[in-house]
Amino acid sequence: MNISRFRSCQYGYILLKNVLKTSAPQRQSHVVSYRVPPPPHSKATKVGAVAVGGAMWWWVIWHLWHEPDHITGEFDYPSPSKWSNSELGIPRDNN
């Protein structure tokens, strides 16, 4: 390629710059998926994701079944009929 021919004008300089930029080796260190779908996951990744998700749901449901006090509380709810007016903050009736 005769480079002196491209240096004669501004357009040639831009063309030379683009040719040199595109002829450089491209880095292939990671996946870039701009406007194209990413590569599909491997079967091992899919199986691993399902296994980890299944283990997580097993753990949640197991603990909800065997230890419901984490959700409902540890103590029985007191009956409001046993509370006095003073405990509820109701003033005395002066009649």
Protein backbone atom coordinates (compact mmCIF):
# COMPACT_ATOMS: atom_id res chain seq x y z
CA MET A 1 0.00 0.00 0.00
CA ASN A 2 1.41 3.38 -0.99
CA ILE A 3 1.07 5.62 2.10
CA SER A 4 2.41 8.78 0.44
CA ARG A 5 -0.66 8.81 -1.80
CA PHE A 6 -2.97 9.06 1.25
CA ARG A 7 -1.02 11.83 2.97
CA SER A 8 -1.64 14.28 0.16
CA CYS A 9 -5.11 15.34 1.33
CA GLN A 10 -7.25 15.44 4.44
CA TYR A 11 -9.57 12.73 3.13
CA GLY A 12 -6.60 10.46 2.60
CA TYR A 13 -5.46 11.03 6.19
CA ILE A 14 -8.89 10.01 7.51
CA LEU A 15 -8.90 6.96 5.25
CA LEU A 16 -5.41 5.98 6.40
CA LYS A 17 -6.43 6.44 10.03
CA ASN A 18 -9.46 4.19 9.55
CA VAL A 19 -7.41 1.54 7.72
CA LEU A 20 -4.81 1.47 10.49
CA LYS A 21 -7.50 1.36 13.18
CA THR A 22 -9.34 -1.58 11.63
CA SER A 23 -6.20 -3.54 10.85
CA ALA A 24 -5.14 -3.62 14.50
CA PRO A 25 -5.83 -6.89 16.32
CA GLN A 26 -9.04 -6.86 18.34
CA ARG A 27 -9.05 -7.78 22.01
CA GLN A 28 -11.18 -10.86 22.65
CA SER A 29 -11.06 -10.86 26.45
CA HIS A 30 -14.80 -10.57 27.13
CA VAL A 31 -18.15 -10.90 25.43
CA VAL A 32 -19.65 -7.72 24.04
CA SER A 33 -23.30 -8.06 23.05
CA TYR A 34 -24.20 -4.65 21.68
CA ARG A 35 -27.20 -5.08 19.35
CA VAL A 36 -26.67 -8.83 19.16
CA PRO A 37 -27.97 -11.46 21.56
CA PRO A 38 -25.46 -12.79 24.07
CA PRO A 39 -24.18 -16.32 23.59
CA PRO A 40 -26.39 -19.00 25.18
CA HIS A 41 -25.51 -20.36 28.59
CA SER A 42 -23.93 -23.79 28.82
CA LYS A 43 -25.95 -26.76 30.04
CA ALA A 44 -23.87 -26.89 33.23
CA THR A 45 -24.74 -23.27 34.01
CA LYS A 46 -28.46 -23.93 33.49
CA VAL A 47 -28.43 -27.09 35.63
CA GLY A 48 -26.42 -25.30 38.34
CA ALA A 49 -28.86 -22.38 38.40
CA VAL A 50 -31.86 -24.72 38.74
CA ALA A 51 -30.10 -26.70 41.51
CA VAL A 52 -29.19 -23.59 43.51
CA GLY A 53 -32.69 -22.15 43.07
CA GLY A 54 -34.27 -25.44 44.14
CA ALA A 55 -32.05 -25.64 47.22
CA MET A 56 -32.96 -22.07 48.17
CA TRP A 57 -36.72 -22.72 47.90
CA TRP A 58 -36.35 -26.00 49.83
CA TRP A 59 -34.60 -24.11 52.64
CA VAL A 60 -37.27 -21.38 52.75
CA ILE A 61 -40.23 -23.77 52.72
CA TRP A 62 -38.58 -26.17 55.23
CA HIS A 63 -38.01 -23.37 57.72
CA LEU A 64 -41.49 -21.90 57.20
CA TRP A 65 -43.01 -25.33 57.92
CA HIS A 66 -40.82 -26.25 60.90
CA GLU A 67 -40.35 -22.79 62.44
CA PRO A 68 -43.49 -20.72 61.68
CA ASP A 69 -42.79 -18.50 64.69
CA HIS A 70 -40.36 -16.53 62.55
CA ILE A 71 -43.39 -15.23 60.62
CA THR A 72 -46.25 -15.39 63.15
CA GLY A 73 -44.33 -14.43 66.27
CA GLU A 74 -43.25 -16.41 69.31
CA PHE A 75 -46.01 -15.51 71.78
CA ASP A 76 -49.76 -16.03 71.80
CA TYR A 77 -51.77 -12.91 71.00
CA PRO A 78 -53.48 -11.66 74.18
CA SER A 79 -57.25 -11.38 74.28
CA PRO A 80 -58.30 -7.69 74.14
CA SER A 81 -61.37 -8.46 76.28
CA LYS A 82 -59.08 -8.97 79.30
CA TRP A 83 -57.52 -5.50 79.03
CA SER A 84 -58.74 -2.82 81.42
CA ASN A 85 -59.81 0.66 80.37
CA SER A 86 -56.76 2.19 82.04
CA GLU A 87 -54.45 -0.11 80.05
CA LEU A 88 -56.17 0.96 76.86
CA GLY A 89 -56.00 4.66 77.78
CA ILE A 90 -59.76 5.14 78.03
CA PRO A 91 -60.72 7.84 80.57
CA ARG A 92 -63.11 7.12 83.41
CA ASP A 93 -66.79 7.71 82.90
CA ASN A 94 -67.89 10.25 85.54
CA ASN A 95 -71.58 9.25 85.56
